[in-house]
Amino acid sequence: MSAVLGDPIRHIWLVRRMAEHAGVELAEAQFRGTLSQEAWAAMVTRCRGCDAPEDCARLLERRDFPRPPDWCENRDALANLAEPERV
């Protein structure tokens, strides 16, 4: 994780796109109560601290990967949101 945080707007979009790819509807998760504002903010902050945003953006452009990569800072959170019974 980087000591310098990346641009918040860019990382909001990276998290949203990765969530969409993982089959997670963030708005629905917030509505259901499985994603709090604090948890959402933590996801964006983790993404902002990632050392690989360029790799993430390239991966999201390809859209040919089965799930968030091992190095994704939000992989576990997205997996939990994709299967809400585990939360």
N, C-alpha and C. Protein backbone atom coordinates (compact mmCIF):
# COMPACT_ATOMS: atom_id res chain seq x y z
N MET A 1 0.85 -1.18 0.00
CA MET A 1 0.00 0.00 0.00
C MET A 1 0.89 1.24 0.00
N SER A 2 0.51 2.19 -0.82
CA SER A 2 1.28 3.41 -0.97
C SER A 2 1.10 4.34 0.22
N ALA A 3 2.15 5.12 0.54
CA ALA A 3 2.06 6.10 1.62
C ALA A 3 1.31 7.34 1.16
N VAL A 4 1.25 7.57 -0.15
CA VAL A 4 0.55 8.72 -0.71
C VAL A 4 -0.77 8.23 -1.31
N LEU A 5 -1.85 8.86 -0.90
CA LEU A 5 -3.17 8.46 -1.41
C LEU A 5 -3.43 9.07 -2.78
N GLY A 6 -4.06 8.28 -3.64
CA GLY A 6 -4.40 8.74 -4.99
C GLY A 6 -5.62 9.64 -5.00
N ASP A 7 -5.91 10.16 -6.18
CA ASP A 7 -7.04 11.06 -6.40
C ASP A 7 -8.35 10.39 -5.99
N PRO A 8 -9.12 11.01 -5.09
CA PRO A 8 -10.35 10.38 -4.61
C PRO A 8 -11.36 10.06 -5.71
N ILE A 9 -11.57 10.97 -6.64
CA ILE A 9 -12.57 10.75 -7.70
C ILE A 9 -12.17 9.57 -8.57
N ARG A 10 -10.91 9.51 -8.95
CA ARG A 10 -10.44 8.39 -9.78
C ARG A 10 -10.69 7.06 -9.06
N HIS A 11 -10.39 7.02 -7.78
CA HIS A 11 -10.50 5.76 -7.05
C HIS A 11 -11.96 5.40 -6.73
N ILE A 12 -12.80 6.39 -6.58
CA ILE A 12 -14.24 6.09 -6.46
C ILE A 12 -14.69 5.32 -7.69
N TRP A 13 -14.27 5.81 -8.86
CA TRP A 13 -14.68 5.14 -10.10
C TRP A 13 -14.03 3.77 -10.25
N LEU A 14 -12.78 3.62 -9.83
CA LEU A 14 -12.14 2.30 -9.89
C LEU A 14 -12.88 1.30 -9.00
N VAL A 15 -13.23 1.72 -7.79
CA VAL A 15 -13.96 0.82 -6.88
C VAL A 15 -15.33 0.49 -7.48
N ARG A 16 -16.02 1.48 -7.99
CA ARG A 16 -17.34 1.22 -8.58
C ARG A 16 -17.26 0.25 -9.74
N ARG A 17 -16.27 0.44 -10.60
CA ARG A 17 -16.12 -0.45 -11.76
C ARG A 17 -15.73 -1.86 -11.33
N MET A 18 -14.82 -1.98 -10.34
CA MET A 18 -14.42 -3.30 -9.87
C MET A 18 -15.61 -3.99 -9.21
N ALA A 19 -16.39 -3.24 -8.46
CA ALA A 19 -17.58 -3.82 -7.83
C ALA A 19 -18.55 -4.32 -8.89
N GLU A 20 -18.79 -3.51 -9.90
CA GLU A 20 -19.68 -3.91 -10.99
C GLU A 20 -19.19 -5.20 -11.64
N HIS A 21 -17.89 -5.26 -11.89
CA HIS A 21 -17.32 -6.47 -12.49
C HIS A 21 -17.50 -7.68 -11.58
N ALA A 22 -17.43 -7.45 -10.28
CA ALA A 22 -17.58 -8.54 -9.30
C ALA A 22 -19.04 -8.91 -9.07
N GLY A 23 -19.95 -8.19 -9.74
CA GLY A 23 -21.37 -8.49 -9.59
C GLY A 23 -22.00 -7.86 -8.36
N VAL A 24 -21.36 -6.83 -7.84
CA VAL A 24 -21.86 -6.15 -6.65
C VAL A 24 -22.55 -4.85 -7.06
N GLU A 25 -23.79 -4.71 -6.68
CA GLU A 25 -24.54 -3.47 -6.88
C GLU A 25 -24.36 -2.64 -5.61
N LEU A 26 -23.46 -1.65 -5.66
CA LEU A 26 -23.14 -0.88 -4.46
C LEU A 26 -24.35 -0.15 -3.90
N ALA A 27 -25.15 0.46 -4.76
CA ALA A 27 -26.34 1.18 -4.28
C ALA A 27 -27.30 0.23 -3.58
N GLU A 28 -27.47 -0.96 -4.15
CA GLU A 28 -28.34 -1.96 -3.54
C GLU A 28 -27.79 -2.41 -2.20
N ALA A 29 -26.47 -2.60 -2.12
CA ALA A 29 -25.85 -3.01 -0.85
C ALA A 29 -26.04 -1.93 0.21
N GLN A 30 -25.96 -0.67 -0.18
CA GLN A 30 -26.20 0.41 0.77
C GLN A 30 -27.66 0.42 1.20
N PHE A 31 -28.56 0.23 0.26
CA PHE A 31 -29.99 0.21 0.57
C PHE A 31 -30.32 -0.95 1.52
N ARG A 32 -29.74 -2.12 1.27
CA ARG A 32 -29.97 -3.30 2.12
C ARG A 32 -29.33 -3.16 3.50
N GLY A 33 -28.38 -2.26 3.61
CA GLY A 33 -27.68 -2.09 4.88
C GLY A 33 -26.45 -2.96 5.02
N THR A 34 -26.05 -3.63 3.93
CA THR A 34 -24.84 -4.46 4.00
C THR A 34 -23.58 -3.68 3.68
N LEU A 35 -23.74 -2.44 3.22
CA LEU A 35 -22.60 -1.56 2.97
C LEU A 35 -22.90 -0.21 3.60
N SER A 36 -22.26 0.06 4.72
CA SER A 36 -22.44 1.34 5.41
C SER A 36 -21.61 2.42 4.72
N GLN A 37 -21.90 3.66 5.04
CA GLN A 37 -21.10 4.78 4.51
C GLN A 37 -19.65 4.64 4.95
N GLU A 38 -19.45 4.19 6.18
CA GLU A 38 -18.09 4.02 6.70
C GLU A 38 -17.34 2.93 5.93
N ALA A 39 -18.03 1.83 5.63
CA ALA A 39 -17.40 0.74 4.88
C ALA A 39 -17.09 1.19 3.45
N TRP A 40 -18.00 1.95 2.84
CA TRP A 40 -17.76 2.48 1.50
C TRP A 40 -16.55 3.40 1.50
N ALA A 41 -16.48 4.30 2.48
CA ALA A 41 -15.34 5.21 2.58
C ALA A 41 -14.04 4.44 2.78
N ALA A 42 -14.08 3.38 3.57
CA ALA A 42 -12.89 2.56 3.79
C ALA A 42 -12.45 1.86 2.51
N MET A 43 -13.42 1.42 1.70
CA MET A 43 -13.08 0.78 0.42
C MET A 43 -12.37 1.77 -0.50
N VAL A 44 -12.89 2.98 -0.58
CA VAL A 44 -12.27 4.00 -1.43
C VAL A 44 -10.88 4.35 -0.90
N THR A 45 -10.75 4.48 0.40
CA THR A 45 -9.44 4.81 0.99
C THR A 45 -8.44 3.70 0.73
N ARG A 46 -8.86 2.43 0.86
CA ARG A 46 -7.94 1.33 0.55
C ARG A 46 -7.50 1.40 -0.90
N CYS A 47 -8.44 1.66 -1.79
CA CYS A 47 -8.11 1.77 -3.21
C CYS A 47 -7.13 2.94 -3.44
N ARG A 48 -7.37 4.04 -2.80
CA ARG A 48 -6.50 5.21 -2.95
C ARG A 48 -5.07 4.92 -2.52
N GLY A 49 -4.90 3.97 -1.58
CA GLY A 49 -3.57 3.61 -1.11
C GLY A 49 -2.89 2.53 -1.92
N CYS A 50 -3.59 2.00 -2.91
CA CYS A 50 -3.06 0.90 -3.73
C CYS A 50 -1.88 1.38 -4.58
N ASP A 51 -0.91 0.49 -4.75
CA ASP A 51 0.26 0.79 -5.59
C ASP A 51 0.01 0.52 -7.07
N ALA A 52 -1.15 -0.03 -7.43
CA ALA A 52 -1.35 -0.49 -8.80
C ALA A 52 -2.60 0.06 -9.49
N PRO A 53 -2.93 1.34 -9.34
CA PRO A 53 -4.15 1.82 -9.99
C PRO A 53 -4.10 1.74 -11.51
N GLU A 54 -2.93 1.91 -12.10
CA GLU A 54 -2.82 1.80 -13.56
C GLU A 54 -3.08 0.37 -14.01
N ASP A 55 -2.55 -0.60 -13.26
CA ASP A 55 -2.81 -2.01 -13.58
C ASP A 55 -4.30 -2.30 -13.45
N CYS A 56 -4.92 -1.76 -12.43
CA CYS A 56 -6.35 -1.95 -12.20
C CYS A 56 -7.15 -1.38 -13.37
N ALA A 57 -6.84 -0.18 -13.77
CA ALA A 57 -7.56 0.46 -14.88
C ALA A 57 -7.42 -0.35 -16.16
N ARG A 58 -6.21 -0.84 -16.43
CA ARG A 58 -6.00 -1.67 -17.63
C ARG A 58 -6.80 -2.96 -17.54
N LEU A 59 -6.79 -3.58 -16.37
CA LEU A 59 -7.54 -4.82 -16.17
C LEU A 59 -9.03 -4.58 -16.39
N LEU A 60 -9.54 -3.50 -15.85
CA LEU A 60 -10.96 -3.19 -16.01
C LEU A 60 -11.33 -2.91 -17.46
N GLU A 61 -10.40 -2.39 -18.24
CA GLU A 61 -10.66 -2.17 -19.66
C GLU A 61 -10.78 -3.49 -20.40
N ARG A 62 -10.00 -4.48 -20.00
CA ARG A 62 -10.04 -5.80 -20.67
C ARG A 62 -11.31 -6.56 -20.34
N ARG A 63 -11.74 -6.48 -19.10
CA ARG A 63 -12.98 -7.12 -18.64
C ARG A 63 -13.00 -8.64 -18.85
N ASP A 64 -11.84 -9.27 -18.90
CA ASP A 64 -11.80 -10.71 -19.13
C ASP A 64 -11.17 -11.46 -17.95
N PHE A 65 -11.50 -11.03 -16.75
CA PHE A 65 -10.96 -11.70 -15.57
C PHE A 65 -12.13 -12.16 -14.71
N PRO A 66 -11.98 -13.28 -14.02
CA PRO A 66 -13.12 -13.88 -13.32
C PRO A 66 -13.54 -13.19 -12.03
N ARG A 67 -12.64 -12.50 -11.38
CA ARG A 67 -12.94 -11.85 -10.10
C ARG A 67 -11.84 -10.82 -9.83
N PRO A 68 -12.02 -9.97 -8.83
CA PRO A 68 -10.95 -9.01 -8.52
C PRO A 68 -9.62 -9.74 -8.30
N PRO A 69 -8.54 -9.16 -8.79
CA PRO A 69 -7.23 -9.82 -8.68
C PRO A 69 -6.78 -9.95 -7.23
N ASP A 70 -5.83 -10.84 -7.01
CA ASP A 70 -5.31 -11.07 -5.66
C ASP A 70 -4.77 -9.79 -5.02
N TRP A 71 -4.23 -8.89 -5.83
CA TRP A 71 -3.63 -7.68 -5.28
C TRP A 71 -4.65 -6.56 -5.03
N CYS A 72 -5.91 -6.79 -5.36
CA CYS A 72 -6.94 -5.77 -5.12
C CYS A 72 -7.15 -5.58 -3.62
N GLU A 73 -7.03 -4.35 -3.18
CA GLU A 73 -7.19 -4.03 -1.76
C GLU A 73 -8.61 -4.30 -1.26
N ASN A 74 -9.57 -4.38 -2.18
CA ASN A 74 -10.98 -4.58 -1.80
C ASN A 74 -11.52 -5.95 -2.19
N ARG A 75 -10.65 -6.85 -2.55
CA ARG A 75 -11.09 -8.18 -3.00
C ARG A 75 -12.00 -8.86 -1.97
N ASP A 76 -11.58 -8.90 -0.72
CA ASP A 76 -12.38 -9.58 0.32
C ASP A 76 -13.70 -8.86 0.57
N ALA A 77 -13.65 -7.53 0.63
CA ALA A 77 -14.88 -6.77 0.87
C ALA A 77 -15.87 -6.99 -0.26
N LEU A 78 -15.39 -7.02 -1.49
CA LEU A 78 -16.28 -7.24 -2.63
C LEU A 78 -16.83 -8.66 -2.63
N ALA A 79 -16.00 -9.62 -2.25
CA ALA A 79 -16.48 -11.00 -2.16
C ALA A 79 -17.58 -11.11 -1.11
N ASN A 80 -17.41 -10.45 0.02
CA ASN A 80 -18.44 -10.47 1.07
C ASN A 80 -19.73 -9.80 0.61
N LEU A 81 -19.61 -8.71 -0.13
CA LEU A 81 -20.80 -8.02 -0.62
C LEU A 81 -21.49 -8.81 -1.72
N ALA A 82 -20.73 -9.57 -2.48
CA ALA A 82 -21.32 -10.39 -3.54
C ALA A 82 -22.11 -11.55 -2.96
N GLU A 83 -21.77 -11.96 -1.74
CA GLU A 83 -22.46 -13.05 -1.05
C GLU A 83 -22.92 -12.52 0.31
N PRO A 84 -24.00 -11.72 0.34
CA PRO A 84 -24.40 -11.03 1.57
C PRO A 84 -24.69 -11.94 2.75
N GLU A 85 -25.00 -13.21 2.51
CA GLU A 85 -25.26 -14.09 3.64
C GLU A 85 -23.99 -14.33 4.46
N ARG A 86 -22.83 -14.03 3.89
CA ARG A 86 -21.56 -14.20 4.61
C ARG A 86 -21.23 -12.99 5.46
N VAL A 87 -21.88 -11.86 5.21
CA VAL A 87 -21.55 -10.61 5.91
C VAL A 87 -22.05 -10.66 7.33
